[in-house]
C-alpha cells in the first residue's frame, strides 16, 4: 500500500487520556510527514490538538448526542475516504467509515502495561516495536504570551505549581496536606501557582489561609493550553491524579502525581520527568506530607 496522505485519528475523551494518545499521533506524523490528519475528539479535550502542525480539522464526538445527531456525525465522516484510520477509542466507529486500512487499540494486554504502550501497540504494524516517544502538546505563541503575562508579577523564577483538585473526591489529597507541603518546602521556591477548575478555588483558599509564599490562583481562569504554558514555566508540578499532571509531563516539567484510588502503573503521566506516589490502602488521607516532600526534593535535584 502507498504511504497514507489522509489519516483519521480517533482519540479519547478525558484530558489525561487524550494526552496519553499524543505519542501515537507524534509517531504517525514522524512516519508520514506528508500526511494530513483529521482528529475525532471530545469537546473536553479537543483544544489539545488545535495547533497540531499536520491538522486539517477536528471533528467533535458528543458522547450523549441524540441518535439523529450520531447518524449525522457518521455521515459527515463517511463523506471522506481515508487512507488510514487509527482508532484508540475502540467503540466501533472506525468500522463504519471508509478507509484503506484500519488500526485499533489492542484490547488484550498485561494489566501492568502502561496505557501509552497499549495505545502504541495499535500502530506497531506501521512503526515497528519501538519505545513510544514522550507525550507532547502543541502550544501557540499567543498562548505562551498570555501565560507570560500572568506570571510576570511573580518574584523569582523557581515556582511550585499545584493542582489540588480532581474529578472526584476520592482522588483529592486533603487541602491541609497541600498547605503543609507548601510550608515544608517554602525555602526552595519563590512562589506558588494554583491551577485547576473554578470548583477548586475553595480548596486553594484553604491552602493559602496562612500563606508562606506569594501565590497566584489561576483556577477557573486558564484554558487547557494556557495551563500547559504556565506549567512549562514552573520548576515542578505536584497534584492529584488528574489531567494537569499529564499536561505538566507533556511540556517537560518535573511532575509528582499523588494517587489514591486508581491504577498508577497504567495511568501515571508519561515522560522521563514524571514521578508518582501511591497512598497506603489507596486512601489519600493516609499519604504523609513528609513522604511527598521527600519525593519532591528528589525531583528538584534531578538534572
Protein backbone atom coordinates (compact mmCIF):
# COMPACT_ATOMS: atom_id res chain seq x y z
CA UNK A 1 0.00 0.00 0.00
CA UNK A 2 1.25 3.51 -0.81
CA UNK A 3 2.01 5.83 2.07
CA UNK A 4 -1.16 7.36 3.57
CA UNK A 5 -1.87 11.00 2.83
CA UNK A 6 -5.24 11.29 4.61
CA UNK A 7 -5.33 9.90 8.16
CA UNK A 8 -8.21 9.88 10.64
CA UNK A 9 -7.02 9.78 14.26
CA UNK A 10 -9.68 8.93 16.88
CA UNK A 11 -8.55 9.99 20.33
CA UNK A 12 -10.11 9.75 23.80
CA UNK A 13 -12.38 11.98 25.86
CA UNK A 14 -10.82 12.84 29.22
CA UNK A 15 -7.91 15.26 29.27
CA UNK A 16 -5.31 12.88 30.70
CA UNK A 17 -6.43 10.05 28.42
CA UNK A 18 -6.21 12.32 25.38
CA UNK A 19 -2.70 13.45 26.32
CA UNK A 20 -1.65 9.80 26.55
CA UNK A 21 -2.63 9.32 22.89
CA UNK A 22 -0.25 12.06 21.68
CA UNK A 23 2.79 9.73 21.46
CA UNK A 24 0.88 7.76 18.81
CA UNK A 25 -0.03 10.93 16.94
CA UNK A 26 3.58 12.16 17.07
CA UNK A 27 4.89 8.83 15.82
CA UNK A 28 2.41 8.76 12.93
CA UNK A 29 3.39 12.28 11.91
CA UNK A 30 7.08 11.38 12.06
CA UNK A 31 6.46 8.22 9.98
CA UNK A 32 4.29 10.02 7.40
CA UNK A 33 5.40 13.69 7.38
CA UNK A 34 3.41 14.49 4.22
CA UNK A 35 0.12 13.18 5.60
CA UNK A 36 -2.73 15.37 6.77
CA UNK A 37 -4.84 14.46 9.78
CA UNK A 38 -8.47 14.76 10.79
CA UNK A 39 -8.92 14.17 14.52
CA UNK A 40 -12.06 12.92 16.25
CA UNK A 41 -12.07 14.29 19.79
CA UNK A 42 -14.34 15.15 22.68
CA UNK A 43 -15.24 18.76 23.42
CA UNK A 44 -13.40 18.49 26.76
CA UNK A 45 -10.03 17.70 25.21
CA UNK A 46 -10.24 18.87 21.58
CA UNK A 47 -8.28 22.05 22.32
CA UNK A 48 -5.18 19.93 22.96
CA UNK A 49 -4.94 19.24 19.22
CA UNK A 50 -5.89 22.65 17.77
CA UNK A 51 -2.30 23.58 16.90
CA UNK A 52 -1.05 20.17 15.73
CA UNK A 53 1.05 21.06 12.70
CA UNK A 54 -0.47 18.49 10.30
CA UNK A 55 -4.10 19.08 11.29
CA UNK A 56 -6.82 19.53 8.68
CA UNK A 57 -9.80 19.60 11.04
CA UNK A 58 -11.10 18.48 14.42
CA UNK A 59 -14.43 16.66 14.44
CA UNK A 60 -16.22 16.64 17.78
CA UNK A 61 -17.80 13.43 19.02
CA UNK A 62 -20.54 14.11 21.57
CA UNK A 63 -20.94 11.19 23.95
CA UNK A 64 -24.57 11.94 24.85
CA UNK A 65 -25.75 13.02 21.40
CA UNK A 66 -29.20 12.02 20.14
CA UNK A 67 -29.40 9.14 17.67
CA UNK A 68 -30.16 11.54 14.81
CA UNK A 69 -27.06 13.59 15.64
CA UNK A 70 -24.97 10.43 15.87
CA UNK A 71 -26.12 9.39 12.40
CA UNK A 72 -25.27 12.85 11.04
CA UNK A 73 -21.84 12.56 12.66
CA UNK A 74 -21.16 9.22 10.93
CA UNK A 75 -22.43 10.58 7.60
CA UNK A 76 -20.05 13.51 7.91
CA UNK A 77 -17.10 11.20 8.44
CA UNK A 78 -18.18 8.83 5.67
CA UNK A 79 -18.11 11.68 3.16
CA UNK A 80 -14.32 11.31 3.08
CA UNK A 81 -12.33 8.20 2.23
CA UNK A 82 -9.24 7.90 4.41
CA UNK A 83 -6.04 6.08 3.61
CA UNK A 84 -5.66 5.13 7.28
CA UNK A 85 -7.85 5.20 10.37
CA UNK A 86 -6.21 4.83 13.79
CA UNK A 87 -8.94 4.30 16.38
CA UNK A 88 -7.80 4.49 20.00
CA UNK A 89 -11.34 4.77 21.33
CA UNK A 90 -12.45 1.33 20.06
CA UNK A 91 -16.19 1.93 20.16
CA UNK A 92 -16.58 0.55 16.64
CA UNK A 93 -16.66 3.91 14.86
CA UNK A 94 -13.73 3.08 12.59
CA UNK A 95 -15.56 0.11 11.09
CA UNK A 96 -18.43 2.35 9.96
CA UNK A 97 -16.16 4.61 7.92
CA UNK A 98 -14.43 4.35 4.57
CA UNK A 99 -10.72 3.58 4.69
CA UNK A 100 -7.99 1.55 3.00
CA UNK A 101 -6.54 0.46 6.35
CA UNK A 102 -7.81 0.48 9.94
CA UNK A 103 -5.84 0.03 13.13
CA UNK A 104 -7.36 -0.24 16.61
CA UNK A 105 -6.18 -0.20 20.21
CA UNK A 106 -5.14 -3.65 21.35
CA UNK A 107 -7.57 -4.89 23.99
CA UNK A 108 -5.78 -7.91 25.42
CA UNK A 109 -2.62 -6.86 27.25
CA UNK A 110 -0.91 -7.38 30.65
CA UNK A 111 -2.67 -5.47 33.42
CA UNK A 112 0.53 -3.63 34.45
CA UNK A 113 1.24 -2.28 30.97
CA UNK A 114 1.02 1.49 30.71
CA UNK A 115 -1.84 2.96 28.69
CA UNK A 116 0.60 4.68 26.30
CA UNK A 117 2.21 1.34 25.47
CA UNK A 118 -1.21 -0.17 24.94
CA UNK A 119 -2.10 2.64 22.53
CA UNK A 120 1.22 2.34 20.77
CA UNK A 121 0.72 -1.35 20.08
CA UNK A 122 -2.02 -0.34 17.64
CA UNK A 123 0.48 1.20 15.23
CA UNK A 124 3.29 -1.35 15.57
CA UNK A 125 2.44 -2.71 12.09
CA UNK A 126 3.48 0.73 10.76
CA UNK A 127 6.35 1.85 13.01
CA UNK A 128 7.66 -1.43 14.43
CA UNK A 129 8.27 -2.37 18.05
CA UNK A 130 9.83 0.83 19.40
CA UNK A 131 9.66 2.77 22.64
CA UNK A 132 6.84 5.33 22.47
CA UNK A 133 8.03 8.93 22.41
CA UNK A 134 7.10 11.33 25.22
CA UNK A 135 3.64 12.84 25.34
CA UNK A 136 3.57 16.32 23.86
CA UNK A 137 1.40 19.37 23.29
CA UNK A 138 1.23 21.96 20.53
CA UNK A 139 1.01 25.47 22.00
CA UNK A 140 0.73 28.71 20.03
CA UNK A 141 2.93 31.76 20.56
CA UNK A 142 -0.16 33.75 21.60
CA UNK A 143 -0.94 31.21 24.32
CA UNK A 144 2.62 31.39 25.62
CA UNK A 145 2.35 35.19 25.67
CA UNK A 146 -0.80 35.06 27.82
CA UNK A 147 0.90 32.71 30.25
CA UNK A 148 3.92 35.01 30.47
CA UNK A 149 1.63 37.97 31.20
CA UNK A 150 0.01 36.14 34.11
CA UNK A 151 3.36 35.21 35.62
CA UNK A 152 5.26 38.43 35.15
CA UNK A 153 4.32 39.74 38.59
CA UNK A 154 5.66 36.74 40.48
CA UNK A 155 9.04 37.01 42.20
CA UNK A 156 11.98 34.94 41.01
CA UNK A 157 11.66 32.03 38.61
CA UNK A 158 11.54 28.99 40.89
CA UNK A 159 7.81 28.41 41.03
CA UNK A 160 5.89 25.49 42.50
CA UNK A 161 2.74 24.63 40.53
CA UNK A 162 -0.01 22.80 42.40
CA UNK A 163 -3.13 21.02 41.18
CA UNK A 164 -5.24 20.46 44.33
CA UNK A 165 -8.39 19.21 42.57
CA UNK A 166 -9.57 16.18 40.64
CA UNK A 167 -12.76 14.92 39.02
CA UNK A 168 -13.97 13.18 42.22
CA UNK A 169 -13.25 13.47 45.91
CA UNK A 170 -11.60 10.06 46.26
CA UNK A 171 -8.70 11.33 44.15
CA UNK A 172 -8.16 14.50 46.18
CA UNK A 173 -5.30 14.79 48.68
CA UNK A 174 -6.69 16.91 51.55
CA UNK A 175 -6.15 20.66 51.25
CA UNK A 176 -4.44 20.81 54.63
CA UNK A 177 -1.81 18.38 53.35
CA UNK A 178 -1.11 20.62 50.36
CA UNK A 179 -0.84 23.56 52.78
CA UNK A 180 1.62 21.64 54.95
CA UNK A 181 3.65 20.71 51.86
CA UNK A 182 3.93 24.39 50.90
CA UNK A 183 5.08 25.21 54.43
CA UNK A 184 7.57 22.34 54.35
CA UNK A 185 9.25 23.37 51.11
CA UNK A 186 8.80 27.16 51.22
CA UNK A 187 12.55 27.81 51.33
CA UNK A 188 13.02 26.08 47.98
CA UNK A 189 10.57 28.20 45.96
CA UNK A 190 9.86 31.82 45.13
CA UNK A 191 6.09 31.47 44.65
CA UNK A 192 3.20 29.02 44.26
CA UNK A 193 0.87 28.79 41.25
CA UNK A 194 -2.51 27.07 41.58
CA UNK A 195 -4.19 25.54 38.55
CA UNK A 196 -7.47 23.71 38.06
CA UNK A 197 -11.15 24.37 37.51
CA UNK A 198 -13.28 27.02 39.22
CA UNK A 199 -14.52 24.24 41.53
CA UNK A 200 -11.02 24.07 43.03
CA UNK A 201 -10.99 27.69 44.20
CA UNK A 202 -12.35 26.79 47.66
CA UNK A 203 -9.50 24.29 48.14
CA UNK A 204 -6.99 26.94 47.14
CA UNK A 205 -8.49 29.32 49.72
CA UNK A 206 -7.95 26.66 52.40
CA UNK A 207 -4.34 26.10 51.32
CA UNK A 208 -3.36 29.78 51.30
CA UNK A 209 -5.14 30.70 54.54
CA UNK A 210 -1.71 31.26 56.11
CA UNK A 211 0.50 31.79 53.06
CA UNK A 212 4.24 31.34 53.42
CA UNK A 213 4.94 32.24 49.77
CA UNK A 214 3.46 34.62 47.20
CA UNK A 215 0.57 32.83 45.46
CA UNK A 216 -1.12 33.12 42.07
CA UNK A 217 -4.53 31.48 41.81
CA UNK A 218 -5.38 30.61 38.19
CA UNK A 219 -8.12 28.09 38.99
CA UNK A 220 -11.00 28.57 36.62
CA UNK A 221 -9.11 31.20 34.64
CA UNK A 222 -6.96 29.30 32.14
CA UNK A 223 -7.75 27.13 29.14
CA UNK A 224 -6.07 23.74 28.83
CA UNK A 225 -3.24 25.04 26.67
CA UNK A 226 -2.83 28.19 28.77
CA UNK A 227 -2.47 25.94 31.83
CA UNK A 228 0.11 23.89 29.95
CA UNK A 229 2.05 27.04 29.01
CA UNK A 230 2.06 28.09 32.68
CA UNK A 231 3.19 24.62 33.73
CA UNK A 232 6.05 24.74 31.24
CA UNK A 233 7.42 27.74 33.16
CA UNK A 234 7.14 26.08 36.60
CA UNK A 235 10.08 24.43 38.33
CA UNK A 236 7.93 21.44 39.33
CA UNK A 237 4.29 20.37 39.50
CA UNK A 238 2.59 18.46 42.33
CA UNK A 239 -1.01 17.37 42.01
CA UNK A 240 -3.68 14.74 42.26
CA UNK A 241 -4.43 12.11 39.62
CA UNK A 242 -5.93 14.48 37.06
CA UNK A 243 -5.36 15.95 33.62
CA UNK A 244 -3.00 18.63 34.95
CA UNK A 245 -0.28 16.10 35.75
CA UNK A 246 -0.44 14.83 32.18
CA UNK A 247 -0.24 18.39 30.83
CA UNK A 248 2.79 19.11 33.02
CA UNK A 249 4.61 15.98 31.92
CA UNK A 250 3.80 16.66 28.25
CA UNK A 251 5.59 20.04 28.43
CA UNK A 252 8.61 18.53 30.18
CA UNK A 253 8.06 19.87 33.69
CA UNK A 254 9.13 17.58 36.56
CA UNK A 255 5.86 16.14 37.81
CA UNK A 256 4.78 14.41 41.01
CA UNK A 257 1.30 12.86 40.98
CA UNK A 258 -0.26 11.53 44.18
CA UNK A 259 -2.56 8.55 43.67
CA UNK A 260 -5.31 7.24 45.91
CA UNK A 261 -7.79 5.00 44.06
CA UNK A 262 -6.73 4.14 40.55
CA UNK A 263 -4.04 2.25 38.70
CA UNK A 264 -0.84 4.33 38.68
CA UNK A 265 1.16 1.71 36.80
CA UNK A 266 -1.21 2.12 33.86
CA UNK A 267 -2.22 5.77 34.11
CA UNK A 268 0.62 7.82 35.59
CA UNK A 269 1.77 10.73 33.38
CA UNK A 270 4.06 9.56 30.60
CA UNK A 271 7.53 11.11 30.44
CA UNK A 272 11.07 10.83 31.73
CA UNK A 273 10.47 13.52 34.37
CA UNK A 274 7.12 12.17 35.58
CA UNK A 275 7.05 10.59 39.05
CA UNK A 276 4.23 9.38 41.25
CA UNK A 277 3.36 8.17 44.74
CA UNK A 278 0.65 5.69 45.68
CA UNK A 279 -1.07 6.24 49.02
CA UNK A 280 -1.38 3.41 51.57
CA UNK A 281 -4.51 1.30 51.04
CA UNK A 282 -5.41 3.59 48.10
CA UNK A 283 -6.52 6.19 50.64
CA UNK A 284 -5.08 9.66 50.11
CA UNK A 285 -5.91 10.62 53.69
CA UNK A 286 -3.14 8.22 54.70
CA UNK A 287 -0.47 9.76 52.46
CA UNK A 288 2.03 11.52 54.67
CA UNK A 289 3.27 15.04 53.85
CA UNK A 290 6.85 14.10 54.71
CA UNK A 291 6.82 11.34 52.10
CA UNK A 292 5.57 13.70 49.39
CA UNK A 293 8.11 16.36 50.44
CA UNK A 294 10.95 13.83 50.25
CA UNK A 295 9.94 12.80 46.73
CA UNK A 296 9.60 16.46 45.74
CA UNK A 297 13.18 17.05 46.90
CA UNK A 298 14.32 14.23 44.64
CA UNK A 299 12.64 15.89 41.66
CA UNK A 300 14.20 19.26 42.47
CA UNK A 301 17.69 17.72 42.44
CA UNK A 302 17.28 15.91 39.13
CA UNK A 303 19.42 17.25 36.24
